[in-house]
Amino acid sequence: MLQKAVFLVKARFGKTIPSLERYHFTLHYYGPFSRALADELDDLQLRGLVQVEPEQVLDVTRYNIRLTQEGKQLAQKALKNDPRRVDLEKGARLASEYNAMKLETVVKEAYRVAETLGVK
């Protein structure tokens, strides 16, 4: 779900959140996928900043990703004086909205946006 949410947030806010530009997406089994994002998530998990919990949903495994307490503190500190804070918070809210949706709905939206943007 994270891959799709970041893809959709990048599609909407990419120009105002330049840090999203480092994620280049291609279509994969269940929608847009970025190797750089997957690698970064692995790094954050190894550093103890995020926790990844697999959950079986029908015939696919969904990975629930949450900031650890240390991750939350680091994120709050980093955002405190960031001039892009408003845009980053909008992106985070949108990602939370996608996370609350059914996986099927988010996948369909991600494929729709990918087609519009010409992602292959």
Protein backbone atom coordinates (compact mmCIF):
# COMPACT_ATOMS: atom_id res chain seq x y z
CA MET A 1 0.00 0.00 0.00
CA LEU A 2 2.88 2.39 0.77
CA GLN A 3 4.19 2.21 -2.79
CA LYS A 4 0.82 3.14 -4.23
CA ALA A 5 0.20 5.91 -1.68
CA VAL A 6 3.61 7.51 -2.31
CA PHE A 7 3.06 7.25 -6.07
CA LEU A 8 -0.32 8.97 -5.78
CA VAL A 9 1.02 11.66 -3.43
CA LYS A 10 3.93 12.26 -5.82
CA ALA A 11 1.50 12.56 -8.73
CA ARG A 12 -0.44 15.22 -6.84
CA PHE A 13 2.25 17.10 -4.90
CA GLY A 14 5.52 16.13 -6.62
CA LYS A 15 6.37 19.65 -7.70
CA THR A 16 5.90 21.09 -4.21
CA ILE A 17 7.63 18.19 -2.42
CA PRO A 18 10.91 17.84 -4.37
CA SER A 19 12.15 14.96 -2.18
CA LEU A 20 9.56 12.73 -3.90
CA GLU A 21 11.35 13.18 -7.23
CA ARG A 22 13.96 10.57 -6.26
CA TYR A 23 11.32 7.85 -6.52
CA HIS A 24 10.97 6.59 -10.08
CA PHE A 25 8.01 4.26 -10.47
CA THR A 26 7.34 1.44 -12.91
CA LEU A 27 4.26 -0.76 -13.08
CA HIS A 28 4.69 -3.96 -11.11
CA TYR A 29 2.40 -6.81 -10.05
CA TYR A 30 0.04 -4.74 -7.92
CA GLY A 31 0.60 -1.23 -9.23
CA PRO A 32 3.38 1.34 -9.24
CA PHE A 33 6.66 0.29 -7.62
CA SER A 34 9.85 2.20 -6.82
CA ARG A 35 13.04 0.27 -6.02
CA ALA A 36 14.47 3.39 -4.32
CA LEU A 37 11.44 3.60 -2.02
CA ALA A 38 11.68 -0.11 -1.16
CA ASP A 39 15.39 0.26 -0.38
CA GLU A 40 14.75 3.34 1.76
CA LEU A 41 12.02 1.53 3.68
CA ASP A 42 14.41 -1.38 4.34
CA ASP A 43 17.00 1.08 5.64
CA LEU A 44 14.48 2.79 7.93
CA GLN A 45 13.42 -0.58 9.28
CA LEU A 46 17.03 -1.62 9.96
CA ARG A 47 17.58 1.66 11.80
CA GLY A 48 14.52 0.99 13.98
CA LEU A 49 12.58 4.00 12.69
CA VAL A 50 9.70 2.05 11.12
CA GLN A 51 8.00 -1.22 11.94
CA VAL A 52 6.70 -3.44 9.14
CA GLU A 53 3.97 -5.97 9.93
CA PRO A 54 2.68 -8.36 7.26
CA GLU A 55 -1.07 -8.95 7.10
CA GLN A 56 -2.81 -11.47 4.84
CA VAL A 57 -5.66 -9.82 2.91
CA LEU A 58 -7.45 -12.27 0.64
CA ASP A 59 -4.77 -13.67 -1.67
CA VAL A 60 -2.12 -10.97 -1.11
CA THR A 61 0.08 -9.93 1.78
CA ARG A 62 -0.35 -6.33 2.83
CA TYR A 63 2.45 -4.71 4.81
CA ASN A 64 1.36 -2.31 7.52
CA ILE A 65 4.12 0.23 8.05
CA ARG A 66 4.24 2.42 11.13
CA LEU A 67 6.75 4.83 12.58
CA THR A 68 8.32 3.64 15.82
CA GLN A 69 8.43 6.08 18.73
CA GLU A 70 11.99 7.00 17.73
CA GLY A 71 10.84 7.47 14.13
CA LYS A 72 8.01 9.78 15.22
CA GLN A 73 10.37 11.91 17.28
CA LEU A 74 12.87 12.19 14.43
CA ALA A 75 10.12 13.09 11.93
CA GLN A 76 8.67 15.77 14.23
CA LYS A 77 12.12 17.27 14.76
CA ALA A 78 12.86 17.28 11.02
CA LEU A 79 9.53 18.90 10.15
CA LYS A 80 9.66 21.54 12.86
CA ASN A 81 11.52 24.16 10.80
CA ASP A 82 11.00 22.80 7.30
CA PRO A 83 9.61 25.51 5.00
CA ARG A 84 7.73 22.81 3.06
CA ARG A 85 5.95 21.66 6.20
CA VAL A 86 2.47 22.58 4.96
CA ASP A 87 2.94 20.64 1.70
CA LEU A 88 4.49 17.69 3.53
CA GLU A 89 1.56 17.61 5.96
CA LYS A 90 -0.92 17.71 3.05
CA GLY A 91 0.93 14.80 1.43
CA ALA A 92 0.89 12.86 4.70
CA ARG A 93 -2.86 13.43 5.13
CA LEU A 94 -3.51 12.24 1.57
CA ALA A 95 -1.35 9.15 2.16
CA SER A 96 -3.36 8.43 5.33
CA GLU A 97 -6.60 8.71 3.35
CA TYR A 98 -5.30 6.19 0.82
CA ASN A 99 -4.17 3.91 3.63
CA ALA A 100 -7.69 3.89 5.06
CA MET A 101 -9.20 2.80 1.72
CA LYS A 102 -9.62 -0.74 0.50
CA LEU A 103 -6.52 -2.03 -1.25
CA GLU A 104 -8.48 -2.73 -4.44
CA THR A 105 -9.67 0.90 -4.60
CA VAL A 106 -6.14 2.29 -4.19
CA VAL A 107 -4.71 -0.12 -6.78
CA LYS A 108 -7.36 0.93 -9.32
CA GLU A 109 -6.65 4.61 -8.66
CA ALA A 110 -2.91 4.05 -8.94
CA TYR A 111 -3.32 2.28 -12.30
CA ARG A 112 -5.63 5.06 -13.51
CA VAL A 113 -3.11 7.76 -12.59
CA ALA A 114 -0.21 5.72 -13.98
CA GLU A 115 -2.00 5.44 -17.31
CA THR A 116 -2.67 9.19 -17.32
CA LEU A 117 1.02 9.90 -16.62
CA GLY A 118 2.28 7.29 -19.08
CA VAL A 119 4.04 5.16 -16.44
CA LYS A 120 5.06 1.74 -17.80
